[in-house]
């Protein structure tokens, strides 16, 4: 059985492929790439969380206070990562903004899909 964070990443990869395929059929290549980029931003945040989770598991000697500090650090890293990558996409001028945001939101649904058993 996959750990919850890994299950989220798997669902997000599936969402990335589905969103890109639908966007390509409906609107074309630029929209598909923009939507895929949006989902990829979400996926990278999940992969960062997975990496931090594994790091935390390998340090059983960490105190609860240290674990909580790592959790807050992860939250800040994820916000900075998502904000920076979204800004980079928007400022590039090469993406369809609506498709990028739609992909980002669709990628967030990977969390909901992974919670359902």
PDB file of N, CA and C in Angstrom:
ATOM      1  N   UNK A   1       0.843  -1.180   0.000  1.00  0.00           N
ATOM      2  CA  UNK A   1       0.000   0.000   0.000  1.00  0.00           C
ATOM      3  C   UNK A   1       0.887   1.243   0.000  1.00  0.00           C
ATOM      4  N   UNK A   2       0.529   2.196  -0.813  1.00  0.00           N
ATOM      5  CA  UNK A   2       1.302   3.425  -0.916  1.00  0.00           C
ATOM      6  C   UNK A   2       1.023   4.341   0.271  1.00  0.00           C
ATOM      7  N   UNK A   3       2.056   5.068   0.675  1.00  0.00           N
ATOM      8  CA  UNK A   3       1.853   6.065   1.725  1.00  0.00           C
ATOM      9  C   UNK A   3       1.013   7.205   1.141  1.00  0.00           C
ATOM     10  N   UNK A   4       0.289   7.946   1.973  1.00  0.00           N
ATOM     11  CA  UNK A   4      -0.630   8.980   1.471  1.00  0.00           C
ATOM     12  C   UNK A   4       0.033  10.010   0.568  1.00  0.00           C
ATOM     13  N   UNK A   5       1.223  10.456   0.908  1.00  0.00           N
ATOM     14  CA  UNK A   5       1.879  11.476   0.091  1.00  0.00           C
ATOM     15  C   UNK A   5       2.240  10.925  -1.280  1.00  0.00           C
ATOM     16  N   UNK A   6       2.661   9.678  -1.334  1.00  0.00           N
ATOM     17  CA  UNK A   6       2.976   9.059  -2.615  1.00  0.00           C
ATOM     18  C   UNK A   6       1.709   8.880  -3.443  1.00  0.00           C
ATOM     19  N   UNK A   7       0.609   8.519  -2.777  1.00  0.00           N
ATOM     20  CA  UNK A   7      -0.661   8.353  -3.480  1.00  0.00           C
ATOM     21  C   UNK A   7      -1.108   9.675  -4.097  1.00  0.00           C
ATOM     22  N   UNK A   8      -0.902  10.783  -3.391  1.00  0.00           N
ATOM     23  CA  UNK A   8      -1.242  12.111  -3.926  1.00  0.00           C
ATOM     24  C   UNK A   8      -0.439  12.377  -5.201  1.00  0.00           C
ATOM     25  N   UNK A   9       0.867  12.113  -5.158  1.00  0.00           N
ATOM     26  CA  UNK A   9       1.723  12.354  -6.317  1.00  0.00           C
ATOM     27  C   UNK A   9       1.284  11.502  -7.506  1.00  0.00           C
ATOM     28  N   UNK A  10       0.899  10.265  -7.250  1.00  0.00           N
ATOM     29  CA  UNK A  10       0.443   9.383  -8.331  1.00  0.00           C
ATOM     30  C   UNK A  10      -0.835   9.939  -8.952  1.00  0.00           C
ATOM     31  N   UNK A  11      -1.771  10.354  -8.113  1.00  0.00           N
ATOM     32  CA  UNK A  11      -3.005  10.948  -8.635  1.00  0.00           C
ATOM     33  C   UNK A  11      -2.708  12.220  -9.424  1.00  0.00           C
ATOM     34  N   UNK A  12      -1.754  13.009  -8.961  1.00  0.00           N
ATOM     35  CA  UNK A  12      -1.434  14.244  -9.667  1.00  0.00           C
ATOM     36  C   UNK A  12      -0.785  13.970 -11.023  1.00  0.00           C
ATOM     37  N   UNK A  13       0.000  12.931 -11.126  1.00  0.00           N
ATOM     38  CA  UNK A  13       0.558  12.557 -12.425  1.00  0.00           C
ATOM     39  C   UNK A  13      -0.570  12.151 -13.371  1.00  0.00           C
ATOM     40  N   UNK A  14      -1.525  11.378 -12.861  1.00  0.00           N
ATOM     41  CA  UNK A  14      -2.674  10.984 -13.685  1.00  0.00           C
ATOM     42  C   UNK A  14      -3.483  12.203 -14.109  1.00  0.00           C
ATOM     43  N   UNK A  15      -3.666  13.145 -13.201  1.00  0.00           N
ATOM     44  CA  UNK A  15      -4.392  14.376 -13.533  1.00  0.00           C
ATOM     45  C   UNK A  15      -3.626  15.175 -14.575  1.00  0.00           C
ATOM     46  N   UNK A  16      -2.311  15.242 -14.443  1.00  0.00           N
ATOM     47  CA  UNK A  16      -1.484  15.962 -15.410  1.00  0.00           C
ATOM     48  C   UNK A  16      -1.700  15.405 -16.811  1.00  0.00           C
ATOM     49  N   UNK A  17      -1.644  14.090 -16.931  1.00  0.00           N
ATOM     50  CA  UNK A  17      -1.824  13.466 -18.248  1.00  0.00           C
ATOM     51  C   UNK A  17      -3.233  13.702 -18.790  1.00  0.00           C
ATOM     52  N   UNK A  18      -4.238  13.571 -17.927  1.00  0.00           N
ATOM     53  CA  UNK A  18      -5.621  13.755 -18.365  1.00  0.00           C
ATOM     54  C   UNK A  18      -5.897  15.199 -18.769  1.00  0.00           C
ATOM     55  N   UNK A  19      -5.450  16.144 -17.954  1.00  0.00           N
ATOM     56  CA  UNK A  19      -5.692  17.563 -18.250  1.00  0.00           C
ATOM     57  C   UNK A  19      -4.980  17.968 -19.537  1.00  0.00           C
ATOM     58  N   UNK A  20      -3.752  17.518 -19.697  1.00  0.00           N
ATOM     59  CA  UNK A  20      -3.005  17.862 -20.914  1.00  0.00           C
ATOM     60  C   UNK A  20      -3.671  17.267 -22.149  1.00  0.00           C
ATOM     61  N   UNK A  21      -4.136  16.042 -22.049  1.00  0.00           N
ATOM     62  CA  UNK A  21      -4.784  15.395 -23.194  1.00  0.00           C
ATOM     63  C   UNK A  21      -6.081  16.109 -23.571  1.00  0.00           C
ATOM     64  N   UNK A  22      -6.900  16.409 -22.583  1.00  0.00           N
ATOM     65  CA  UNK A  22      -8.169  17.096 -22.858  1.00  0.00           C
ATOM     66  C   UNK A  22      -7.913  18.490 -23.416  1.00  0.00           C
ATOM     67  N   UNK A  23      -6.983  19.210 -22.828  1.00  0.00           N
ATOM     68  CA  UNK A  23      -6.678  20.564 -23.303  1.00  0.00           C
ATOM     69  C   UNK A  23      -6.130  20.528 -24.727  1.00  0.00           C
ATOM     70  N   UNK A  24      -5.333  19.522 -25.040  1.00  0.00           N
ATOM     71  CA  UNK A  24      -4.775  19.415 -26.391  1.00  0.00           C
ATOM     72  C   UNK A  24      -5.885  19.171 -27.408  1.00  0.00           C
ATOM     73  N   UNK A  25      -6.815  18.294 -27.075  1.00  0.00           N
ATOM     74  CA  UNK A  25      -7.911  17.982 -27.998  1.00  0.00           C
ATOM     75  C   UNK A  25      -8.835  19.186 -28.173  1.00  0.00           C
ATOM     76  N   UNK A  26      -9.113  19.892 -27.079  1.00  0.00           N
ATOM     77  CA  UNK A  26     -10.080  20.988 -27.130  1.00  0.00           C
ATOM     78  C   UNK A  26      -9.467  22.281 -27.657  1.00  0.00           C
ATOM     79  N   UNK A  27      -8.269  22.653 -27.196  1.00  0.00           N
ATOM     80  CA  UNK A  27      -7.720  23.966 -27.513  1.00  0.00           C
ATOM     81  C   UNK A  27      -6.384  23.966 -28.243  1.00  0.00           C
ATOM     82  N   UNK A  28      -5.656  22.878 -28.202  1.00  0.00           N
ATOM     83  CA  UNK A  28      -4.382  22.853 -28.899  1.00  0.00           C
ATOM     84  C   UNK A  28      -3.180  22.742 -27.983  1.00  0.00           C
ATOM     85  N   UNK A  29      -2.015  22.831 -28.608  1.00  0.00           N
ATOM     86  CA  UNK A  29      -0.758  22.554 -27.915  1.00  0.00           C
ATOM     87  C   UNK A  29      -0.427  23.578 -26.825  1.00  0.00           C
ATOM     88  N   UNK A  30      -0.571  24.864 -27.110  1.00  0.00           N
ATOM     89  CA  UNK A  30      -0.199  25.893 -26.130  1.00  0.00           C
ATOM     90  C   UNK A  30      -1.030  25.757 -24.858  1.00  0.00           C
ATOM     91  N   UNK A  31      -2.312  25.537 -25.015  1.00  0.00           N
ATOM     92  CA  UNK A  31      -3.193  25.368 -23.858  1.00  0.00           C
ATOM     93  C   UNK A  31      -2.842  24.108 -23.090  1.00  0.00           C
ATOM     94  N   UNK A  32      -2.551  23.033 -23.807  1.00  0.00           N
ATOM     95  CA  UNK A  32      -2.188  21.769 -23.158  1.00  0.00           C
ATOM     96  C   UNK A  32      -0.903  21.923 -22.346  1.00  0.00           C
ATOM     97  N   UNK A  33       0.085  22.578 -22.911  1.00  0.00           N
ATOM     98  CA  UNK A  33       1.348  22.790 -22.189  1.00  0.00           C
ATOM     99  C   UNK A  33       1.154  23.703 -20.989  1.00  0.00           C
ATOM    100  N   UNK A  34       0.313  24.712 -21.130  1.00  0.00           N
ATOM    101  CA  UNK A  34       0.036  25.627 -20.024  1.00  0.00           C
ATOM    102  C   UNK A  34      -0.663  24.906 -18.876  1.00  0.00           C
ATOM    103  N   UNK A  35      -1.655  24.092 -19.211  1.00  0.00           N
ATOM    104  CA  UNK A  35      -2.372  23.334 -18.187  1.00  0.00           C
ATOM    105  C   UNK A  35      -1.445  22.312 -17.525  1.00  0.00           C
ATOM    106  N   UNK A  36      -0.619  21.659 -18.319  1.00  0.00           N
ATOM    107  CA  UNK A  36       0.329  20.681 -17.769  1.00  0.00           C
ATOM    108  C   UNK A  36       1.316  21.371 -16.837  1.00  0.00           C
ATOM    109  N   UNK A  37       1.734  22.563 -17.180  1.00  0.00           N
ATOM    110  CA  UNK A  37       2.643  23.327 -16.323  1.00  0.00           C
ATOM    111  C   UNK A  37       1.977  23.627 -14.974  1.00  0.00           C
ATOM    112  N   UNK A  38       0.708  24.002 -15.015  1.00  0.00           N
ATOM    113  CA  UNK A  38      -0.020  24.282 -13.776  1.00  0.00           C
ATOM    114  C   UNK A  38      -0.100  23.060 -12.872  1.00  0.00           C
ATOM    115  N   UNK A  39      -0.392  21.904 -13.455  1.00  0.00           N
ATOM    116  CA  UNK A  39      -0.449  20.679 -12.662  1.00  0.00           C
ATOM    117  C   UNK A  39       0.953  20.322 -12.161  1.00  0.00           C
ATOM    118  N   UNK A  40       1.961  20.552 -12.982  1.00  0.00           N
ATOM    119  CA  UNK A  40       3.337  20.228 -12.594  1.00  0.00           C
ATOM    120  C   UNK A  40       3.783  21.057 -11.390  1.00  0.00           C
ATOM    121  N   UNK A  41       3.325  22.286 -11.301  1.00  0.00           N
ATOM    122  CA  UNK A  41       3.657  23.122 -10.136  1.00  0.00           C
ATOM    123  C   UNK A  41       3.123  22.458  -8.867  1.00  0.00           C
ATOM    124  N   UNK A  42       1.896  21.983  -8.932  1.00  0.00           N
ATOM    125  CA  UNK A  42       1.295  21.301  -7.792  1.00  0.00           C
ATOM    126  C   UNK A  42       2.045  20.008  -7.479  1.00  0.00           C
ATOM    127  N   UNK A  43       2.400  19.277  -8.523  1.00  0.00           N
ATOM    128  CA  UNK A  43       3.122  18.018  -8.355  1.00  0.00           C
ATOM    129  C   UNK A  43       4.484  18.243  -7.704  1.00  0.00           C
ATOM    130  N   UNK A  44       5.178  19.280  -8.095  1.00  0.00           N
ATOM    131  CA  UNK A  44       6.477  19.570  -7.488  1.00  0.00           C
ATOM    132  C   UNK A  44       6.347  19.881  -5.998  1.00  0.00           C
ATOM    133  N   UNK A  45       5.287  20.570  -5.622  1.00  0.00           N
ATOM    134  CA  UNK A  45       5.034  20.819  -4.203  1.00  0.00           C
ATOM    135  C   UNK A  45       4.798  19.526  -3.444  1.00  0.00           C
ATOM    136  N   UNK A  46       4.083  18.609  -4.051  1.00  0.00           N
ATOM    137  CA  UNK A  46       3.835  17.313  -3.419  1.00  0.00           C
ATOM    138  C   UNK A  46       5.113  16.495  -3.317  1.00  0.00           C
ATOM    139  N   UNK A  47       5.941  16.555  -4.343  1.00  0.00           N
ATOM    140  CA  UNK A  47       7.207  15.824  -4.304  1.00  0.00           C
ATOM    141  C   UNK A  47       8.141  16.402  -3.240  1.00  0.00           C
ATOM    142  N   UNK A  48       8.100  17.714  -3.064  1.00  0.00           N
ATOM    143  CA  UNK A  48       8.879  18.338  -1.994  1.00  0.00           C
ATOM    144  C   UNK A  48       8.392  17.843  -0.638  1.00  0.00           C
ATOM    145  N   UNK A  49       7.086  17.751  -0.481  1.00  0.00           N
ATOM    146  CA  UNK A  49       6.529  17.249   0.768  1.00  0.00           C
ATOM    147  C   UNK A  49       6.942  15.796   1.006  1.00  0.00           C
ATOM    148  N   UNK A  50       6.922  15.004  -0.039  1.00  0.00           N
ATOM    149  CA  UNK A  50       7.332  13.604   0.076  1.00  0.00           C
ATOM    150  C   UNK A  50       8.798  13.499   0.490  1.00  0.00           C
ATOM    151  N   UNK A  51       9.637  14.335  -0.083  1.00  0.00           N
ATOM    152  CA  UNK A  51      11.058  14.328   0.275  1.00  0.00           C
ATOM    153  C   UNK A  51      11.256  14.717   1.739  1.00  0.00           C
ATOM    154  N   UNK A  52      10.543  15.721   2.193  1.00  0.00           N
ATOM    155  CA  UNK A  52      10.665  16.155   3.588  1.00  0.00           C
ATOM    156  C   UNK A  52      10.107  15.095   4.547  1.00  0.00           C
ATOM    157  N   UNK A  53       9.054  14.414   4.113  1.00  0.00           N
ATOM    158  CA  UNK A  53       8.483  13.347   4.938  1.00  0.00           C
ATOM    159  C   UNK A  53       9.499  12.219   5.130  1.00  0.00           C
ATOM    160  N   UNK A  54      10.153  11.838   4.050  1.00  0.00           N
ATOM    161  CA  UNK A  54      11.164  10.778   4.138  1.00  0.00           C
ATOM    162  C   UNK A  54      12.371  11.225   4.960  1.00  0.00           C
ATOM    163  N   UNK A  55      12.742  12.481   4.832  1.00  0.00           N
ATOM    164  CA  UNK A  55      13.840  13.009   5.633  1.00  0.00           C
ATOM    165  C   UNK A  55      13.495  12.943   7.121  1.00  0.00           C
ATOM    166  N   UNK A  56      12.277  13.306   7.443  1.00  0.00           N
ATOM    167  CA  UNK A  56      11.830  13.289   8.825  1.00  0.00           C
ATOM    168  C   UNK A  56      11.801  11.868   9.383  1.00  0.00           C
ATOM    169  N   UNK A  57      11.373  10.923   8.571  1.00  0.00           N
ATOM    170  CA  UNK A  57      11.324   9.527   9.020  1.00  0.00           C
ATOM    171  C   UNK A  57      12.711   8.966   9.302  1.00  0.00           C
ATOM    172  N   UNK A  58      13.707   9.463   8.602  1.00  0.00           N
ATOM    173  CA  UNK A  58      15.061   8.951   8.799  1.00  0.00           C
ATOM    174  C   UNK A  58      15.748   9.552  10.023  1.00  0.00           C
ATOM    175  N   UNK A  59      15.086  10.518  10.662  1.00  0.00           N
ATOM    176  CA  UNK A  59      15.653  11.150  11.858  1.00  0.00           C
ATOM    177  C   UNK A  59      14.718  10.940  13.045  1.00  0.00           C
ATOM    178  N   UNK A  60      14.697   9.746  13.551  1.00  0.00           N
ATOM    179  CA  UNK A  60      13.806   9.440  14.673  1.00  0.00           C
ATOM    180  C   UNK A  60      14.222  10.165  15.956  1.00  0.00           C
ATOM    181  N   UNK A  61      15.432  10.688  15.978  1.00  0.00           N
ATOM    182  CA  UNK A  61      15.905  11.377  17.174  1.00  0.00           C
ATOM    183  C   UNK A  61      15.385  12.818  17.280  1.00  0.00           C
ATOM    184  N   UNK A  62      14.758  13.328  16.219  1.00  0.00           N
ATOM    185  CA  UNK A  62      14.252  14.697  16.254  1.00  0.00           C
ATOM    186  C   UNK A  62      13.140  14.820  17.288  1.00  0.00           C
ATOM    187  N   UNK A  63      13.156  15.908  18.015  1.00  0.00           N
ATOM    188  CA  UNK A  63      12.119  16.173  19.008  1.00  0.00           C
ATOM    189  C   UNK A  63      10.847  16.651  18.307  1.00  0.00           C
ATOM    190  N   UNK A  64       9.761  16.687  19.066  1.00  0.00           N
ATOM    191  CA  UNK A  64       8.496  17.173  18.517  1.00  0.00           C
ATOM    192  C   UNK A  64       8.624  18.632  18.094  1.00  0.00           C
ATOM    193  N   UNK A  65       9.380  19.399  18.851  1.00  0.00           N
ATOM    194  CA  UNK A  65       9.583  20.812  18.511  1.00  0.00           C
ATOM    195  C   UNK A  65      10.324  20.932  17.182  1.00  0.00           C
ATOM    196  N   UNK A  66      11.322  20.102  16.980  1.00  0.00           N
ATOM    197  CA  UNK A  66      12.072  20.122  15.717  1.00  0.00           C
ATOM    198  C   UNK A  66      11.184  19.690  14.553  1.00  0.00           C
ATOM    199  N   UNK A  67      10.348  18.670  14.787  1.00  0.00           N
ATOM    200  CA  UNK A  67       9.425  18.198  13.746  1.00  0.00           C
ATOM    201  C   UNK A  67       8.443  19.309  13.357  1.00  0.00           C
ATOM    202  N   UNK A  68       7.936  20.018  14.362  1.00  0.00           N
ATOM    203  CA  UNK A  68       7.005  21.110  14.092  1.00  0.00           C
ATOM    204  C   UNK A  68       7.698  22.226  13.313  1.00  0.00           C
ATOM    205  N   UNK A  69       8.930  22.518  13.662  1.00  0.00           N
ATOM    206  CA  UNK A  69       9.699  23.516  12.918  1.00  0.00           C
ATOM    207  C   UNK A  69       9.895  23.101  11.464  1.00  0.00           C
ATOM    208  N   UNK A  70      10.171  21.830  11.245  1.00  0.00           N
ATOM    209  CA  UNK A  70      10.324  21.315   9.879  1.00  0.00           C
ATOM    210  C   UNK A  70       9.011  21.427   9.107  1.00  0.00           C
ATOM    211  N   UNK A  71       7.898  21.193   9.804  1.00  0.00           N
ATOM    212  CA  UNK A  71       6.587  21.307   9.173  1.00  0.00           C
ATOM    213  C   UNK A  71       6.326  22.739   8.705  1.00  0.00           C
ATOM    214  N   UNK A  72       6.621  23.704   9.575  1.00  0.00           N
ATOM    215  CA  UNK A  72       6.432  25.110   9.203  1.00  0.00           C
ATOM    216  C   UNK A  72       7.377  25.515   8.070  1.00  0.00           C
ATOM    217  N   UNK A  73       8.589  24.999   8.109  1.00  0.00           N
ATOM    218  CA  UNK A  73       9.552  25.270   7.035  1.00  0.00           C
ATOM    219  C   UNK A  73       9.041  24.715   5.705  1.00  0.00           C
ATOM    220  N   UNK A  74       8.490  23.502   5.744  1.00  0.00           N
ATOM    221  CA  UNK A  74       7.928  22.893   4.542  1.00  0.00           C
ATOM    222  C   UNK A  74       6.791  23.731   3.979  1.00  0.00           C
ATOM    223  N   UNK A  75       5.925  24.225   4.850  1.00  0.00           N
ATOM    224  CA  UNK A  75       4.813  25.059   4.392  1.00  0.00           C
ATOM    225  C   UNK A  75       5.330  26.296   3.669  1.00  0.00           C
ATOM    226  N   UNK A  76       6.332  26.946   4.251  1.00  0.00           N
ATOM    227  CA  UNK A  76       6.910  28.138   3.617  1.00  0.00           C
ATOM    228  C   UNK A  76       7.569  27.783   2.292  1.00  0.00           C
ATOM    229  N   UNK A  77       8.288  26.657   2.258  1.00  0.00           N
ATOM    230  CA  UNK A  77       8.946  26.237   1.013  1.00  0.00           C
ATOM    231  C   UNK A  77       7.927  25.958  -0.089  1.00  0.00           C
ATOM    232  N   UNK A  78       6.839  25.308   0.278  1.00  0.00           N
ATOM    233  CA  UNK A  78       5.814  24.994  -0.731  1.00  0.00           C
ATOM    234  C   UNK A  78       5.164  26.263  -1.282  1.00  0.00           C
ATOM    235  N   UNK A  79       4.868  27.224  -0.402  1.00  0.00           N
ATOM    236  CA  UNK A  79       4.284  28.489  -0.869  1.00  0.00           C
ATOM    237  C   UNK A  79       5.253  29.238  -1.780  1.00  0.00           C
ATOM    238  N   UNK A  80       6.510  29.291  -1.376  1.00  0.00           N
ATOM    239  CA  UNK A  80       7.511  29.976  -2.202  1.00  0.00           C
ATOM    240  C   UNK A  80       7.711  29.269  -3.537  1.00  0.00           C
ATOM    241  N   UNK A  81       7.752  27.947  -3.518  1.00  0.00           N
ATOM    242  CA  UNK A  81       7.920  27.187  -4.749  1.00  0.00           C
ATOM    243  C   UNK A  81       6.752  27.421  -5.696  1.00  0.00           C
ATOM    244  N   UNK A  82       5.535  27.268  -5.180  1.00  0.00           N
ATOM    245  CA  UNK A  82       4.351  27.453  -6.026  1.00  0.00           C
ATOM    246  C   UNK A  82       4.266  28.891  -6.541  1.00  0.00           C
ATOM    247  N   UNK A  83       4.466  29.858  -5.659  1.00  0.00           N
ATOM    248  CA  UNK A  83       4.398  31.257  -6.075  1.00  0.00           C
ATOM    249  C   UNK A  83       5.443  31.607  -7.117  1.00  0.00           C
ATOM    250  N   UNK A  84       6.655  31.129  -6.905  1.00  0.00           N
ATOM    251  CA  UNK A  84       7.743  31.421  -7.851  1.00  0.00           C
ATOM    252  C   UNK A  84       7.500  30.780  -9.213  1.00  0.00           C
ATOM    253  N   UNK A  85       7.091  29.514  -9.200  1.00  0.00           N
ATOM    254  CA  UNK A  85       6.865  28.830 -10.473  1.00  0.00           C
ATOM    255  C   UNK A  85       5.656  29.398 -11.223  1.00  0.00           C
ATOM    256  N   UNK A  86       4.605  29.739 -10.490  1.00  0.00           N
ATOM    257  CA  UNK A  86       3.455  30.357 -11.161  1.00  0.00           C
ATOM    258  C   UNK A  86       3.830  31.728 -11.722  1.00  0.00           C
ATOM    259  N   UNK A  87       4.567  32.518 -10.952  1.00  0.00           N
ATOM    260  CA  UNK A  87       5.008  33.832 -11.434  1.00  0.00           C
ATOM    261  C   UNK A  87       5.892  33.673 -12.662  1.00  0.00           C
ATOM    262  N   UNK A  88       6.784  32.706 -12.624  1.00  0.00           N
ATOM    263  CA  UNK A  88       7.652  32.443 -13.771  1.00  0.00           C
ATOM    264  C   UNK A  88       6.826  32.103 -15.012  1.00  0.00           C
ATOM    265  N   UNK A  89       5.809  31.278 -14.827  1.00  0.00           N
ATOM    266  CA  UNK A  89       4.938  30.930 -15.953  1.00  0.00           C
ATOM    267  C   UNK A  89       4.199  32.133 -16.503  1.00  0.00           C
ATOM    268  N   UNK A  90       3.615  32.927 -15.603  1.00  0.00           N
ATOM    269  CA  UNK A  90       2.863  34.100 -16.051  1.00  0.00           C
ATOM    270  C   UNK A  90       3.764  35.133 -16.714  1.00  0.00           C
ATOM    271  N   UNK A  91       4.926  35.367 -16.120  1.00  0.00           N
ATOM    272  CA  UNK A  91       5.819  36.404 -16.642  1.00  0.00           C
ATOM    273  C   UNK A  91       6.524  35.990 -17.935  1.00  0.00           C
ATOM    274  N   UNK A  92       6.532  34.710 -18.220  1.00  0.00           N
ATOM    275  CA  UNK A  92       7.178  34.257 -19.456  1.00  0.00           C
ATOM    276  C   UNK A  92       6.415  34.753 -20.683  1.00  0.00           C
ATOM    277  N   UNK A  93       5.126  34.944 -20.520  1.00  0.00           N
ATOM    278  CA  UNK A  93       4.306  35.391 -21.639  1.00  0.00           C
ATOM    279  C   UNK A  93       4.043  34.312 -22.674  1.00  0.00           C
ATOM    280  N   UNK A  94       4.469  33.097 -22.387  1.00  0.00           N
ATOM    281  CA  UNK A  94       4.322  32.004 -23.344  1.00  0.00           C
ATOM    282  C   UNK A  94       3.227  31.021 -22.970  1.00  0.00           C
ATOM    283  N   UNK A  95       2.502  31.318 -21.895  1.00  0.00           N
ATOM    284  CA  UNK A  95       1.462  30.397 -21.449  1.00  0.00           C
ATOM    285  C   UNK A  95       0.094  31.057 -21.541  1.00  0.00           C
ATOM    286  N   UNK A  96      -0.920  30.222 -21.593  1.00  0.00           N
ATOM    287  CA  UNK A  96      -2.295  30.681 -21.513  1.00  0.00           C
ATOM    288  C   UNK A  96      -2.627  30.770 -20.017  1.00  0.00           C
ATOM    289  N   UNK A  97      -2.802  31.983 -19.471  1.00  0.00           N
ATOM    290  CA  UNK A  97      -2.986  32.135 -18.022  1.00  0.00           C
ATOM    291  C   UNK A  97      -4.164  31.339 -17.462  1.00  0.00           C
ATOM    292  N   UNK A  98      -5.284  31.329 -18.156  1.00  0.00           N
ATOM    293  CA  UNK A  98      -6.453  30.600 -17.668  1.00  0.00           C
ATOM    294  C   UNK A  98      -6.172  29.100 -17.617  1.00  0.00           C
ATOM    295  N   UNK A  99      -5.496  28.587 -18.625  1.00  0.00           N
ATOM    296  CA  UNK A  99      -5.167  27.160 -18.651  1.00  0.00           C
ATOM    297  C   UNK A  99      -4.175  26.826 -17.538  1.00  0.00           C
ATOM    298  N   UNK A 100      -3.228  27.712 -17.275  1.00  0.00           N
ATOM    299  CA  UNK A 100      -2.252  27.478 -16.214  1.00  0.00           C
ATOM    300  C   UNK A 100      -2.946  27.396 -14.857  1.00  0.00           C
ATOM    301  N   UNK A 101      -3.813  28.339 -14.570  1.00  0.00           N
ATOM    302  CA  UNK A 101      -4.536  28.332 -13.296  1.00  0.00           C
ATOM    303  C   UNK A 101      -5.478  27.136 -13.216  1.00  0.00           C
ATOM    304  N   UNK A 102      -6.137  26.800 -14.316  1.00  0.00           N
ATOM    305  CA  UNK A 102      -7.017  25.634 -14.336  1.00  0.00           C
ATOM    306  C   UNK A 102      -6.231  24.363 -14.042  1.00  0.00           C
ATOM    307  N   UNK A 103      -5.058  24.232 -14.632  1.00  0.00           N
ATOM    308  CA  UNK A 103      -4.207  23.079 -14.358  1.00  0.00           C
ATOM    309  C   UNK A 103      -3.755  23.040 -12.910  1.00  0.00           C
ATOM    310  N   UNK A 104      -3.417  24.193 -12.361  1.00  0.00           N
ATOM    311  CA  UNK A 104      -2.986  24.269 -10.963  1.00  0.00           C
ATOM    312  C   UNK A 104      -4.111  23.822 -10.031  1.00  0.00           C
ATOM    313  N   UNK A 105      -5.312  24.307 -10.281  1.00  0.00           N
ATOM    314  CA  UNK A 105      -6.465  23.935  -9.457  1.00  0.00           C
ATOM    315  C   UNK A 105      -6.778  22.446  -9.632  1.00  0.00           C
ATOM    316  N   UNK A 106      -6.728  21.960 -10.863  1.00  0.00           N
ATOM    317  CA  UNK A 106      -6.988  20.534 -11.105  1.00  0.00           C
ATOM    318  C   UNK A 106      -5.958  19.671 -10.378  1.00  0.00           C
ATOM    319  N   UNK A 107      -4.714  20.111 -10.348  1.00  0.00           N
ATOM    320  CA  UNK A 107      -3.681  19.376  -9.629  1.00  0.00           C
ATOM    321  C   UNK A 107      -3.957  19.303  -8.138  1.00  0.00           C
ATOM    322  N   UNK A 108      -4.571  20.343  -7.596  1.00  0.00           N
ATOM    323  CA  UNK A 108      -4.915  20.337  -6.174  1.00  0.00           C
ATOM    324  C   UNK A 108      -5.958  19.271  -5.860  1.00  0.00           C
ATOM    325  N   UNK A 109      -6.758  18.904  -6.842  1.00  0.00           N
ATOM    326  CA  UNK A 109      -7.763  17.867  -6.629  1.00  0.00           C
ATOM    327  C   UNK A 109      -7.128  16.493  -6.429  1.00  0.00           C
ATOM    328  N   UNK A 110      -5.854  16.371  -6.743  1.00  0.00           N
ATOM    329  CA  UNK A 110      -5.138  15.128  -6.455  1.00  0.00           C
ATOM    330  C   UNK A 110      -5.151  14.824  -4.972  1.00  0.00           C
ATOM    331  N   UNK A 111      -5.142  15.873  -4.159  1.00  0.00           N
ATOM    332  CA  UNK A 111      -5.205  15.678  -2.706  1.00  0.00           C
ATOM    333  C   UNK A 111      -6.543  15.080  -2.312  1.00  0.00           C
ATOM    334  N   UNK A 112      -7.622  15.583  -2.897  1.00  0.00           N
ATOM    335  CA  UNK A 112      -8.943  15.062  -2.568  1.00  0.00           C
ATOM    336  C   UNK A 112      -9.118  13.632  -3.069  1.00  0.00           C
ATOM    337  N   UNK A 113      -8.643  13.377  -4.265  1.00  0.00           N
ATOM    338  CA  UNK A 113      -8.767  12.035  -4.844  1.00  0.00           C
ATOM    339  C   UNK A 113      -7.973  11.017  -4.033  1.00  0.00           C
ATOM    340  N   UNK A 114      -6.844  11.409  -3.516  1.00  0.00           N
ATOM    341  CA  UNK A 114      -6.009  10.485  -2.743  1.00  0.00           C
ATOM    342  C   UNK A 114      -6.613  10.176  -1.377  1.00  0.00           C
ATOM    343  N   UNK A 115      -7.413  11.082  -0.854  1.00  0.00           N
ATOM    344  CA  UNK A 115      -8.037  10.848   0.453  1.00  0.00           C
ATOM    345  C   UNK A 115      -9.164   9.844   0.381  1.00  0.00           C
ATOM    346  N   UNK A 116      -9.808   9.761  -0.770  1.00  0.00           N
ATOM    347  CA  UNK A 116     -10.920   8.859  -0.946  1.00  0.00           C
ATOM    348  C   UNK A 116     -10.400   7.430  -1.041  1.00  0.00           C
ATOM    349  N   UNK A 117     -10.982   6.536  -0.297  1.00  0.00           N
ATOM    350  CA  UNK A 117     -10.514   5.142  -0.297  1.00  0.00           C
ATOM    351  C   UNK A 117     -11.422   4.244  -1.077  1.00  0.00           C
TER     352      UNK A 117
END
